Amino acid sequence: MAEQNKPFDLFIIGGGINGCGIARDAAGRGYSVALAEMNDLASATSSGSTKLFHGGLRYLEFFEFRLVREALIERETLLRAMPHISWPMRFVLPTYKEMRFESDTPTSRLLSFVMPWMKGRRPNWLIRLGLFLYDHLGGREILPGTSKVDLRSAPEGTPLKDHLHKAYEYSDCWVEDARLTLLNARDAQARGAEIMVRSKVTGAEFDGTHWQVTVEGVDGTPRTVTAKMLVNAGGPWVEDVIKQRLNLETKESIRLVRGSHIVVKKLYDHDKCYFFQGEDGRIIFAIPYEEDFTLIGTTDADHSDAFTKPECSEEEADYLRAFAGQYFKKSIAAEDIVWTYSGVRPLYNDGASSATAATREYVLRVNKTAGGPVLNIFGGKITTYRKLSESALGHIDETLGRDTAQWTAGVALPGGVFAVDGVKQLRADLLKQLPFFEARTIRRLIRQYGTEAAGIFADAQSRDDLGAHFGEDITARELDWAIAHEWVRSAEDFLWRRSKLGLRVNQDQVAQIEAYIFDSMRQKSETA
């Protein structure tokens, strides 16, 4: 952490994946860094994604080949760096004998001109071409390529309707998005960055040599932080930071697009995902989730403003249920939904005619209209966060007159120092260390903490050694660690962003966890 009276090189506004990724990269290059997040880390867009490291198969329709190639290459780079929170998955894309296509993409407009009778789902030849590009644009060393599948003879069986006979199967990766953000912040802190959660930037002025940033903590006490350069990684609030906090002049803007998801009771028993096409040209995923559930999403709808909390509307939930119901034998009733969530994507406003067609490319701009340098981050997607961070450091180096080296490719995040295929052995070792935990808990701990799990529960000979219990094998030992190392300040932080145990605990248990965290924080404050 930088000395109190010494200016930071960088002050980053926003604790989502872009802000935390830039903080980690910059701290590792020797920059002094401070980051302020007005809420909890990953409390907005970075915990509201579809949880995929993927190239974006459908982005090929928009001719975004550079973005898709970069994302495809990144899948395996990131997989090696965080094999505890990311893992390979196979996606099954069912096909029809006759498939027609009409949607608002450059590809569809070209096809509608050449073949005006086409509408609905994409033709099979176009799917195969897209998958061929998907397999070869980025290169693969870990992930297997595309194959054809006969759904009627698939070893795992099929939960799909009987008229669906053929499918393509391809590879992408799962990622725990909120933990990815957290681990970048933790690594940034370990490399010297100061991470301030629940700390809102209320204003900033450039005094001729440095930015004087006013930060208001959770108790309302203001603090002034001095920095040479600002990074605006405000996500959905990036324009608010530009106009209301920094008073910058710019023509750049973002388009807020809401993506909603539903989580339902498990629809099938195998571990593969499904990629479904709709008659309206849109696509959704159905993904195994937290062992007992299925995640279905996402929608694409314009969102009014950053200060309106995104929520899955009844209309969106019905749309997703009906969409999935075109494919699954088992109908999905409203009462089957156990949870919904939404995230707002702050996409760069390229003037696209629909939310679906808006670019997923990121745009970085250095702005000096208020006197000092500010790097504004527009757009981006979770798969390319590391490349966005490298691009940001290129701008930062140029602005501050430094020449630093890239370093993050392949460098493991906390808990990820093991081989991609080493999860099974880690589980076996932890089960031997903690035989009093259920196998499901051991799987959860490895996926949550990786190699750090053994240290968190070191020297425990029985469940009694772990302190109070709160249900679902949540113990005081784990909560204490999360409070001390993961900025947990509420039950919601732990149950919905550090984990997804909120799906399993009841309201009494939530209240007990909330009370425990509150008491722990109070005692910490009193002894500080």
Protein backbone atom coordinates (compact mmCIF):
# COMPACT_ATOMS: atom_id res chain seq x y z
CA MET A 1 0.00 0.00 0.00
CA ALA A 2 1.29 3.42 -0.92
CA GLU A 3 2.19 5.88 1.81
CA GLN A 4 -0.72 8.12 2.85
CA ASN A 5 1.04 11.35 1.85
CA LYS A 6 2.51 10.02 -1.38
CA PRO A 7 0.45 10.30 -4.58
CA PHE A 8 -0.63 7.13 -6.33
CA ASP A 9 0.29 6.66 -9.95
CA LEU A 10 -3.23 5.43 -10.71
CA PHE A 11 -6.62 5.84 -9.10
CA ILE A 12 -9.19 3.41 -10.51
CA ILE A 13 -12.91 4.08 -10.19
CA GLY A 14 -14.91 0.84 -10.26
CA GLY A 15 -14.46 -2.60 -8.72
CA GLY A 16 -15.83 -4.73 -11.52
CA ILE A 17 -13.76 -7.09 -13.62
CA ASN A 18 -12.22 -4.32 -15.76
CA GLY A 19 -11.22 -2.16 -12.79
CA CYS A 20 -9.82 -5.09 -10.79
CA GLY A 21 -8.07 -6.54 -13.84
CA ILE A 22 -6.36 -3.22 -14.57
CA ALA A 23 -5.41 -2.82 -10.90
CA ARG A 24 -3.77 -6.25 -10.85
CA ASP A 25 -1.89 -5.72 -14.10
CA ALA A 26 -0.71 -2.23 -13.11
CA ALA A 27 0.38 -3.25 -9.61
CA GLY A 28 2.36 -6.13 -11.09
CA ARG A 29 4.20 -3.67 -13.33
CA GLY A 30 5.29 -1.53 -10.41
CA TYR A 31 2.64 1.18 -10.51
CA SER A 32 1.23 2.40 -7.21
CA VAL A 33 -2.52 1.83 -7.44
CA ALA A 34 -5.66 2.68 -5.51
CA LEU A 35 -9.10 1.39 -6.45
CA ALA A 36 -12.46 2.53 -5.11
CA GLU A 37 -15.72 0.60 -5.52
CA MET A 38 -18.88 2.27 -4.25
CA ASN A 39 -20.55 -1.05 -3.37
CA ASP A 40 -19.16 -4.58 -3.05
CA LEU A 41 -16.70 -5.93 -5.59
CA ALA A 42 -18.49 -7.40 -8.64
CA SER A 43 -21.81 -6.20 -7.29
CA ALA A 44 -23.18 -5.19 -10.71
CA THR A 45 -22.33 -6.40 -14.22
CA SER A 46 -19.43 -8.61 -13.12
CA SER A 47 -21.70 -10.92 -11.14
CA GLY A 48 -24.58 -10.79 -13.63
CA SER A 49 -23.06 -12.55 -16.64
CA THR A 50 -23.92 -15.94 -18.14
CA LYS A 51 -20.71 -17.23 -16.47
CA LEU A 52 -18.88 -18.18 -19.67
CA PHE A 53 -15.39 -17.76 -21.03
CA HIS A 54 -16.35 -18.02 -24.68
CA GLY A 55 -15.37 -16.71 -28.06
CA GLY A 56 -18.92 -15.66 -28.80
CA LEU A 57 -20.09 -17.88 -31.65
CA ARG A 58 -22.93 -15.56 -32.57
CA TYR A 59 -20.60 -12.54 -32.82
CA LEU A 60 -19.28 -14.03 -36.06
CA GLU A 61 -22.61 -12.99 -37.60
CA PHE A 62 -21.64 -9.39 -36.94
CA PHE A 63 -18.23 -9.92 -38.57
CA GLU A 64 -16.47 -9.21 -35.25
CA PHE A 65 -13.64 -11.57 -36.18
CA ARG A 66 -10.94 -9.72 -34.21
CA LEU A 67 -12.99 -9.84 -31.02
CA VAL A 68 -13.87 -13.52 -31.47
CA ARG A 69 -10.28 -14.49 -32.24
CA GLU A 70 -8.97 -12.62 -29.20
CA ALA A 71 -11.59 -14.25 -26.98
CA LEU A 72 -10.94 -17.74 -28.35
CA ILE A 73 -7.22 -17.43 -27.64
CA GLU A 74 -7.95 -16.08 -24.16
CA ARG A 75 -10.12 -19.05 -23.18
CA GLU A 76 -7.15 -21.35 -22.72
CA THR A 77 -4.84 -18.66 -21.35
CA LEU A 78 -7.37 -17.94 -18.62
CA LEU A 79 -8.21 -21.60 -18.07
CA ARG A 80 -4.60 -22.31 -17.16
CA ALA A 81 -4.50 -19.39 -14.72
CA MET A 82 -7.64 -20.25 -12.77
CA PRO A 83 -8.55 -23.95 -13.12
CA HIS A 84 -10.46 -23.86 -9.82
CA ILE A 85 -13.03 -21.26 -10.96
CA SER A 86 -13.01 -22.07 -14.69
CA TRP A 87 -13.36 -25.37 -16.48
CA PRO A 88 -14.09 -26.74 -19.98
CA MET A 89 -17.64 -27.49 -21.02
CA ARG A 90 -19.19 -29.05 -24.11
CA PHE A 91 -22.08 -27.25 -25.79
CA VAL A 92 -24.71 -29.11 -27.79
CA LEU A 93 -26.30 -27.12 -30.63
CA PRO A 94 -29.33 -28.98 -32.02
CA THR A 95 -30.15 -28.61 -35.72
CA TYR A 96 -33.29 -28.93 -37.78
CA LYS A 97 -33.73 -30.47 -41.22
CA GLU A 98 -34.99 -27.12 -42.45
CA MET A 99 -33.65 -24.05 -40.74
CA ARG A 100 -34.37 -20.51 -41.75
CA PHE A 101 -32.94 -17.28 -40.56
CA GLU A 102 -33.99 -13.70 -40.00
CA SER A 103 -32.42 -11.37 -37.45
CA ASP A 104 -30.74 -8.00 -37.33
CA THR A 105 -27.14 -8.85 -38.19
CA PRO A 106 -24.93 -8.10 -41.20
CA THR A 107 -25.01 -11.80 -42.04
CA SER A 108 -28.81 -11.97 -41.92
CA ARG A 109 -29.18 -8.87 -44.06
CA LEU A 110 -26.83 -10.35 -46.65
CA LEU A 111 -28.68 -13.68 -46.59
CA SER A 112 -32.09 -12.02 -46.79
CA PHE A 113 -30.88 -10.19 -49.90
CA VAL A 114 -29.47 -13.31 -51.54
CA MET A 115 -32.18 -15.69 -50.25
CA PRO A 116 -35.21 -13.56 -49.31
CA TRP A 117 -37.35 -16.57 -48.32
CA MET A 118 -35.15 -17.34 -45.32
CA LYS A 119 -36.36 -16.54 -41.82
CA GLY A 120 -36.17 -18.05 -38.33
CA ARG A 121 -33.25 -20.25 -37.34
CA ARG A 122 -29.87 -20.31 -39.05
CA PRO A 123 -29.35 -22.81 -41.90
CA ASN A 124 -27.13 -25.78 -41.10
CA TRP A 125 -24.44 -24.82 -43.59
CA LEU A 126 -24.07 -21.46 -41.87
CA ILE A 127 -23.80 -23.12 -38.45
CA ARG A 128 -21.12 -25.49 -39.71
CA LEU A 129 -19.18 -22.61 -41.27
CA GLY A 130 -19.37 -20.66 -38.02
CA LEU A 131 -18.16 -23.66 -36.01
CA PHE A 132 -15.31 -24.26 -38.47
CA LEU A 133 -14.17 -20.66 -37.93
CA TYR A 134 -14.70 -21.07 -34.19
CA ASP A 135 -12.40 -24.10 -34.12
CA HIS A 136 -9.63 -22.48 -36.16
CA LEU A 137 -9.60 -18.71 -35.52
CA GLY A 138 -7.91 -18.93 -32.13
CA GLY A 139 -6.13 -22.24 -32.08
CA ARG A 140 -6.69 -24.91 -29.44
CA GLU A 141 -4.38 -26.96 -27.23
CA ILE A 142 -6.71 -28.01 -24.40
CA LEU A 143 -10.26 -27.80 -25.72
CA PRO A 144 -11.52 -30.42 -28.20
CA GLY A 145 -13.00 -29.30 -31.50
CA THR A 146 -16.48 -29.60 -32.95
CA SER A 147 -18.10 -32.97 -33.55
CA LYS A 148 -21.46 -34.20 -34.82
CA VAL A 149 -23.86 -35.84 -32.39
CA ASP A 150 -26.78 -38.18 -32.96
CA LEU A 151 -29.08 -37.16 -30.11
CA ARG A 152 -31.00 -40.44 -30.32
CA SER A 153 -27.91 -42.48 -29.44
CA ALA A 154 -26.06 -40.07 -27.12
CA PRO A 155 -24.62 -42.07 -24.16
CA GLU A 156 -26.02 -39.61 -21.62
CA GLY A 157 -29.46 -39.69 -23.24
CA THR A 158 -31.31 -36.60 -24.29
CA PRO A 159 -33.79 -34.38 -22.45
CA LEU A 160 -34.71 -32.81 -25.79
CA LYS A 161 -37.87 -33.34 -27.79
CA ASP A 162 -38.05 -36.39 -30.03
CA HIS A 163 -38.04 -34.50 -33.34
CA LEU A 164 -34.51 -33.24 -32.61
CA HIS A 165 -32.18 -35.89 -34.01
CA LYS A 166 -28.91 -34.19 -34.91
CA ALA A 167 -26.64 -31.66 -33.23
CA TYR A 168 -23.18 -30.20 -33.28
CA GLU A 169 -21.07 -30.27 -30.13
CA TYR A 170 -18.32 -27.70 -29.50
CA SER A 171 -16.18 -26.40 -26.63
CA ASP A 172 -16.23 -23.30 -24.43
CA CYS A 173 -15.52 -22.68 -20.74
CA TRP A 174 -17.39 -21.89 -17.55
CA VAL A 175 -16.16 -19.19 -15.17
CA GLU A 176 -17.25 -18.00 -11.74
CA ASP A 177 -17.50 -14.34 -12.72
CA ALA A 178 -17.74 -12.73 -9.27
CA ARG A 179 -14.86 -14.80 -7.91
CA LEU A 180 -12.79 -13.93 -10.96
CA THR A 181 -13.23 -10.25 -10.09
CA LEU A 182 -12.46 -10.88 -6.42
CA LEU A 183 -9.29 -12.87 -7.16
CA ASN A 184 -7.98 -10.11 -9.42
CA ALA A 185 -8.56 -7.63 -6.58
CA ARG A 186 -6.84 -9.91 -4.07
CA ASP A 187 -3.84 -10.37 -6.32
CA ALA A 188 -3.69 -6.62 -6.94
CA GLN A 189 -3.68 -6.03 -3.19
CA ALA A 190 -0.96 -8.65 -2.69
CA ARG A 191 1.14 -6.71 -5.21
CA GLY A 192 0.71 -3.43 -3.34
CA ALA A 193 -2.60 -1.95 -4.51
CA GLU A 194 -5.02 -0.37 -2.06
CA ILE A 195 -8.54 -1.73 -2.57
CA MET A 196 -11.35 0.35 -1.05
CA VAL A 197 -14.81 -1.25 -1.05
CA ARG A 198 -18.01 0.62 -0.24
CA SER A 199 -16.12 3.81 -1.02
CA LYS A 200 -17.80 6.22 -3.42
CA VAL A 201 -15.94 8.79 -5.48
CA THR A 202 -17.94 12.01 -5.06
CA GLY A 203 -15.69 14.28 -7.09
CA ALA A 204 -12.20 14.95 -8.41
CA GLU A 205 -10.25 18.06 -9.38
CA PHE A 206 -6.92 18.43 -11.14
CA ASP A 207 -4.65 20.88 -9.32
CA GLY A 208 -2.19 21.31 -12.19
CA THR A 209 0.04 18.36 -11.32
CA HIS A 210 -2.21 15.74 -9.69
CA TRP A 211 -5.80 14.68 -9.33
CA GLN A 212 -7.35 15.31 -5.91
CA VAL A 213 -10.03 12.63 -5.56
CA THR A 214 -12.68 12.81 -2.84
CA VAL A 215 -13.77 9.40 -1.61
CA GLU A 216 -16.64 8.88 0.84
CA GLY A 217 -16.54 5.75 2.98
CA VAL A 218 -19.44 3.74 4.33
CA ASP A 219 -19.56 5.93 7.46
CA GLY A 220 -19.82 9.08 5.35
CA THR A 221 -16.33 10.31 6.23
CA PRO A 222 -14.62 11.89 3.19
CA ARG A 223 -11.01 11.19 2.29
CA THR A 224 -8.83 12.88 -0.30
CA VAL A 225 -6.60 10.68 -2.42
CA THR A 226 -3.93 12.11 -4.73
CA ALA A 227 -3.10 10.46 -8.05
CA LYS A 228 -1.28 11.22 -11.28
CA MET A 229 -3.87 9.58 -13.53
CA LEU A 230 -7.45 8.32 -13.23
CA VAL A 231 -8.98 5.22 -14.76
CA ASN A 232 -12.75 5.32 -15.16
CA ALA A 233 -13.89 1.69 -15.07
CA GLY A 234 -17.34 2.57 -13.83
CA GLY A 235 -19.11 0.05 -16.06
CA PRO A 236 -22.78 1.07 -16.32
CA TRP A 237 -21.90 4.27 -14.44
CA VAL A 238 -19.02 5.27 -16.74
CA GLU A 239 -20.98 8.17 -18.23
CA ASP A 240 -22.11 9.36 -14.81
CA VAL A 241 -18.47 9.43 -13.68
CA ILE A 242 -17.50 11.37 -16.81
CA LYS A 243 -20.23 13.98 -16.51
CA GLN A 244 -21.06 14.24 -12.81
CA ARG A 245 -17.83 13.34 -11.01
CA LEU A 246 -15.04 14.45 -13.35
CA ASN A 247 -16.74 17.08 -15.54
CA LEU A 248 -15.12 15.82 -18.73
CA GLU A 249 -16.09 16.76 -22.25
CA THR A 250 -16.63 13.80 -24.57
CA LYS A 251 -18.78 12.56 -27.43
CA GLU A 252 -18.32 8.92 -26.39
CA SER A 253 -21.29 7.13 -24.88
CA ILE A 254 -22.48 3.69 -23.87
CA ARG A 255 -25.58 1.65 -24.53
CA LEU A 256 -26.99 -0.15 -21.50
CA VAL A 257 -28.25 -3.62 -22.40
CA ARG A 258 -29.91 -5.83 -19.80
CA GLY A 259 -29.33 -9.57 -19.85
CA SER A 260 -31.69 -11.56 -17.63
CA HIS A 261 -31.40 -15.18 -16.52
CA ILE A 262 -33.54 -17.73 -14.74
CA VAL A 263 -32.34 -20.61 -12.57
CA VAL A 264 -34.67 -23.61 -12.42
CA LYS A 265 -34.68 -27.04 -10.85
CA LYS A 266 -32.30 -29.36 -12.69
CA LEU A 267 -33.68 -30.31 -16.10
CA TYR A 268 -31.23 -33.12 -16.93
CA ASP A 269 -28.49 -35.22 -15.31
CA HIS A 270 -25.44 -34.90 -17.57
CA ASP A 271 -22.83 -32.13 -17.51
CA LYS A 272 -23.21 -30.73 -21.03
CA CYS A 273 -24.71 -27.38 -21.98
CA TYR A 274 -27.22 -26.55 -24.68
CA PHE A 275 -27.15 -23.76 -27.24
CA PHE A 276 -30.68 -23.09 -28.53
CA GLN A 277 -31.81 -20.96 -31.46
CA GLY A 278 -35.12 -19.14 -31.50
CA GLU A 279 -37.41 -18.36 -34.38
CA ASP A 280 -36.70 -14.68 -33.74
CA GLY A 281 -33.00 -15.20 -34.52
CA ARG A 282 -31.91 -14.96 -30.87
CA ILE A 283 -30.06 -17.65 -28.92
CA ILE A 284 -30.06 -18.82 -25.32
CA PHE A 285 -27.97 -21.23 -23.26
CA ALA A 286 -29.10 -23.93 -20.83
CA ILE A 287 -26.24 -24.77 -18.47
CA PRO A 288 -25.82 -27.16 -15.51
CA TYR A 289 -25.61 -24.93 -12.44
CA GLU A 290 -24.48 -25.55 -8.87
CA GLU A 291 -25.12 -29.31 -9.22
CA ASP A 292 -28.88 -29.20 -8.58
CA PHE A 293 -30.07 -26.51 -10.99
CA THR A 294 -30.12 -25.38 -14.63
CA LEU A 295 -29.23 -21.83 -15.66
CA ILE A 296 -31.11 -20.43 -18.68
CA GLY A 297 -30.24 -17.13 -20.36
CA THR A 298 -29.90 -14.57 -21.60
CA THR A 299 -32.14 -11.83 -22.93
CA ASP A 300 -31.00 -8.65 -24.67
CA ALA A 301 -33.06 -5.57 -23.81
CA ASP A 302 -32.18 -1.91 -23.65
CA HIS A 303 -31.97 -0.68 -20.05
CA SER A 304 -33.11 2.79 -19.04
CA ASP A 305 -30.31 4.03 -16.78
CA ALA A 306 -27.51 2.80 -14.54
CA PHE A 307 -29.30 3.80 -11.34
CA THR A 308 -32.31 1.57 -12.06
CA LYS A 309 -31.51 -1.85 -10.63
CA PRO A 310 -31.71 -4.52 -13.34
CA GLU A 311 -34.26 -7.20 -12.57
CA CYS A 312 -35.61 -10.09 -14.60
CA SER A 313 -39.13 -9.06 -15.52
CA GLU A 314 -42.01 -11.53 -15.61
CA GLU A 315 -42.09 -11.03 -19.37
CA GLU A 316 -38.39 -11.93 -19.70
CA ALA A 317 -38.80 -14.99 -17.47
CA ASP A 318 -41.78 -16.16 -19.53
CA TYR A 319 -39.78 -15.60 -22.72
CA LEU A 320 -36.90 -17.75 -21.45
CA ARG A 321 -39.25 -20.49 -20.24
CA ALA A 322 -41.09 -20.57 -23.56
CA PHE A 323 -37.83 -20.47 -25.54
CA ALA A 324 -36.35 -23.42 -23.63
CA GLY A 325 -39.72 -25.18 -23.82
CA GLN A 326 -39.39 -25.39 -27.59
CA TYR A 327 -36.49 -27.80 -27.03
CA PHE A 328 -36.91 -29.64 -23.72
CA LYS A 329 -39.40 -32.48 -23.29
CA LYS A 330 -40.11 -31.29 -19.78
CA SER A 331 -42.10 -28.09 -19.64
CA ILE A 332 -40.83 -25.35 -17.33
CA ALA A 333 -43.46 -23.82 -15.08
CA ALA A 334 -43.15 -20.46 -13.37
CA GLU A 335 -42.96 -22.22 -9.99
CA ASP A 336 -39.88 -24.15 -11.20
CA ILE A 337 -37.88 -20.91 -11.11
CA VAL A 338 -35.82 -20.76 -7.92
CA TRP A 339 -33.89 -17.57 -8.67
CA THR A 340 -33.53 -14.89 -11.30
CA TYR A 341 -30.80 -12.34 -11.89
CA SER A 342 -29.94 -9.64 -14.39
CA GLY A 343 -26.81 -7.81 -15.42
CA VAL A 344 -26.42 -4.58 -17.36
CA ARG A 345 -23.81 -4.66 -20.10
CA PRO A 346 -22.29 -1.21 -20.66
CA LEU A 347 -21.71 -1.61 -24.40
CA TYR A 348 -19.96 1.00 -26.51
CA ASN A 349 -22.66 2.90 -28.39
CA ASP A 350 -21.94 2.23 -32.06
CA GLY A 351 -25.43 3.19 -33.22
CA ALA A 352 -26.64 -0.39 -33.78
CA SER A 353 -30.34 -0.74 -34.47
CA SER A 354 -30.96 -3.32 -31.73
CA ALA A 355 -29.55 -4.33 -28.36
CA THR A 356 -28.56 -7.73 -29.77
CA ALA A 357 -26.58 -6.12 -32.60
CA ALA A 358 -24.65 -3.66 -30.39
CA THR A 359 -20.91 -4.29 -30.51
CA ARG A 360 -19.16 -6.24 -27.75
CA GLU A 361 -15.82 -4.61 -28.63
CA TYR A 362 -14.17 -2.50 -25.95
CA VAL A 363 -13.06 1.08 -26.58
CA LEU A 364 -10.45 2.92 -24.48
CA ARG A 365 -10.02 6.70 -24.63
CA VAL A 366 -7.63 9.02 -22.78
CA ASN A 367 -9.37 12.30 -21.97
CA LYS A 368 -7.57 15.44 -20.76
CA THR A 369 -10.38 17.98 -21.06
CA ALA A 370 -10.40 18.59 -17.29
CA GLY A 371 -6.63 19.15 -17.22
CA GLY A 372 -5.32 15.81 -16.02
CA PRO A 373 -5.36 12.46 -17.79
CA VAL A 374 -8.36 10.12 -17.44
CA LEU A 375 -8.61 6.76 -19.17
CA ASN A 376 -12.27 5.96 -19.85
CA ILE A 377 -13.26 2.32 -20.39
CA PHE A 378 -16.24 1.69 -22.67
CA GLY A 379 -17.69 -1.79 -23.20
CA GLY A 380 -15.83 -5.07 -22.98
CA LYS A 381 -16.74 -8.65 -22.11
CA ILE A 382 -15.55 -10.90 -19.31
CA THR A 383 -13.57 -13.26 -21.58
CA THR A 384 -11.32 -10.46 -22.83
CA TYR A 385 -10.87 -8.59 -19.54
CA ARG A 386 -7.16 -9.47 -19.37
CA LYS A 387 -6.51 -8.22 -22.91
CA LEU A 388 -8.49 -5.07 -22.11
CA SER A 389 -6.23 -4.59 -19.08
CA GLU A 390 -3.12 -4.95 -21.23
CA SER A 391 -4.52 -2.40 -23.68
CA ALA A 392 -5.28 -0.05 -20.80
CA LEU A 393 -1.70 -0.36 -19.53
CA GLY A 394 -0.47 0.55 -23.00
CA HIS A 395 -2.36 3.84 -22.75
CA ILE A 396 -1.19 4.35 -19.16
CA ASP A 397 2.45 3.72 -20.08
CA GLU A 398 2.23 6.21 -22.93
CA THR A 399 0.52 8.86 -20.78
CA LEU A 400 2.87 8.54 -17.80
CA GLY A 401 6.02 8.07 -19.85
CA ARG A 402 6.88 4.52 -18.81
CA ASP A 403 7.75 1.34 -20.67
CA THR A 404 6.47 -1.65 -18.71
CA ALA A 405 6.20 -5.28 -19.77
CA GLN A 406 3.17 -7.51 -20.09
CA TRP A 407 3.16 -10.29 -17.50
CA THR A 408 -0.31 -11.66 -16.69
CA ALA A 409 -0.62 -14.34 -19.39
CA GLY A 410 -0.47 -17.70 -17.63
CA VAL A 411 0.22 -16.26 -14.16
CA ALA A 412 -2.14 -18.00 -11.77
CA LEU A 413 -4.68 -16.20 -9.65
CA PRO A 414 -4.88 -17.01 -5.91
CA GLY A 415 -5.80 -20.66 -5.43
CA GLY A 416 -5.11 -21.55 -9.06
CA VAL A 417 -1.57 -22.92 -8.84
CA PHE A 418 -2.28 -26.40 -10.21
CA ALA A 419 -2.81 -28.08 -13.55
CA VAL A 420 -6.05 -27.81 -15.49
CA ASP A 421 -6.67 -31.52 -14.93
CA GLY A 422 -5.69 -31.42 -11.24
CA VAL A 423 -9.09 -30.72 -9.67
CA LYS A 424 -9.84 -34.39 -9.03
CA GLN A 425 -6.64 -34.84 -7.03
CA LEU A 426 -7.26 -31.65 -5.06
CA ARG A 427 -10.69 -32.92 -4.10
CA ALA A 428 -9.30 -36.27 -3.00
CA ASP A 429 -6.64 -34.57 -0.86
CA LEU A 430 -9.14 -32.23 0.78
CA LEU A 431 -11.62 -35.03 1.44
CA LYS A 432 -8.82 -36.90 3.23
CA GLN A 433 -7.97 -33.77 5.24
CA LEU A 434 -11.63 -33.00 6.08
CA PRO A 435 -13.47 -36.37 6.21
CA PHE A 436 -16.28 -34.84 8.27
CA PHE A 437 -17.47 -32.73 5.32
CA GLU A 438 -19.87 -34.05 2.67
CA ALA A 439 -18.43 -34.72 -0.78
CA ARG A 440 -20.61 -31.91 -2.18
CA THR A 441 -19.02 -29.46 0.27
CA ILE A 442 -15.53 -30.59 -0.72
CA ARG A 443 -16.38 -30.01 -4.38
CA ARG A 444 -17.70 -26.55 -3.52
CA LEU A 445 -14.62 -25.61 -1.49
CA ILE A 446 -12.24 -26.62 -4.29
CA ARG A 447 -14.24 -24.72 -6.90
CA GLN A 448 -14.34 -21.71 -4.58
CA TYR A 449 -10.83 -21.63 -3.09
CA GLY A 450 -8.66 -24.04 -5.06
CA THR A 451 -5.32 -24.73 -3.37
CA GLU A 452 -6.14 -22.23 -0.61
CA ALA A 453 -8.89 -24.45 0.79
CA ALA A 454 -6.42 -26.69 2.65
CA GLY A 455 -4.93 -23.68 4.44
CA ILE A 456 -8.28 -22.18 5.39
CA PHE A 457 -9.20 -25.36 7.26
CA ALA A 458 -5.70 -26.29 8.46
CA ASP A 459 -5.44 -28.20 11.75
CA ALA A 460 -9.17 -28.94 11.94
CA GLN A 461 -9.66 -32.44 13.33
CA SER A 462 -13.45 -32.26 13.54
CA ARG A 463 -16.37 -30.01 12.71
CA ASP A 464 -16.23 -28.62 16.24
CA ASP A 465 -12.81 -27.11 15.48
CA LEU A 466 -14.42 -24.83 12.90
CA GLY A 467 -16.62 -22.84 15.26
CA ALA A 468 -20.30 -22.09 14.79
CA HIS A 469 -22.23 -23.76 11.98
CA PHE A 470 -24.80 -22.00 9.83
CA GLY A 471 -26.12 -24.75 7.59
CA GLU A 472 -24.78 -26.15 4.29
CA ASP A 473 -21.40 -26.72 5.98
CA ILE A 474 -20.86 -22.96 6.34
CA THR A 475 -18.72 -22.46 9.42
CA ALA A 476 -17.33 -19.58 11.44
CA ARG A 477 -13.86 -20.56 10.22
CA GLU A 478 -14.84 -19.95 6.60
CA LEU A 479 -16.71 -16.73 7.37
CA ASP A 480 -13.76 -15.39 9.37
CA TRP A 481 -11.46 -16.06 6.43
CA ALA A 482 -13.84 -14.41 3.97
CA ILE A 483 -14.16 -11.33 6.21
CA ALA A 484 -10.38 -11.05 6.62
CA HIS A 485 -9.33 -11.83 3.04
CA GLU A 486 -12.30 -11.31 0.70
CA TRP A 487 -13.90 -8.03 1.86
CA VAL A 488 -17.09 -9.78 3.01
CA ARG A 489 -19.23 -7.26 4.89
CA SER A 490 -22.70 -8.81 4.65
CA ALA A 491 -24.47 -12.13 4.23
CA GLU A 492 -25.30 -11.15 0.65
CA ASP A 493 -21.60 -10.69 -0.14
CA PHE A 494 -20.82 -14.21 1.00
CA LEU A 495 -23.96 -16.05 -0.12
CA TRP A 496 -24.35 -14.55 -3.60
CA ARG A 497 -20.96 -13.22 -4.77
CA ARG A 498 -18.28 -15.18 -2.90
CA SER A 499 -20.44 -18.27 -3.40
CA LYS A 500 -23.93 -19.19 -4.57
CA LEU A 501 -24.96 -20.73 -1.27
CA GLY A 502 -27.89 -18.33 -1.22
CA LEU A 503 -29.64 -20.96 -3.33
CA ARG A 504 -29.49 -23.42 -0.45
CA VAL A 505 -29.85 -21.63 2.89
CA ASN A 506 -33.11 -20.56 4.53
CA GLN A 507 -33.98 -17.14 5.91
CA ASP A 508 -33.13 -18.04 9.51
CA GLN A 509 -29.65 -19.14 8.41
CA VAL A 510 -29.22 -15.94 6.40
CA ALA A 511 -30.10 -13.91 9.49
CA GLN A 512 -27.58 -15.87 11.59
CA ILE A 513 -24.83 -15.31 9.04
CA GLU A 514 -25.68 -11.61 8.83
CA ALA A 515 -25.52 -11.27 12.62
CA TYR A 516 -22.20 -13.12 12.80
CA ILE A 517 -20.60 -10.92 10.15
CA PHE A 518 -21.96 -7.76 11.80
CA ASP A 519 -20.57 -8.78 15.21
CA SER A 520 -17.21 -9.71 13.69
CA MET A 521 -16.93 -6.34 11.96
CA ARG A 522 -17.96 -4.50 15.12
CA GLN A 523 -15.33 -6.30 17.20
CA LYS A 524 -12.73 -5.60 14.55
CA SER A 525 -13.63 -1.91 14.59
CA GLU A 526 -13.44 -1.72 18.38
CA THR A 527 -10.00 -3.30 18.52
CA ALA A 528 -8.57 -1.31 15.58
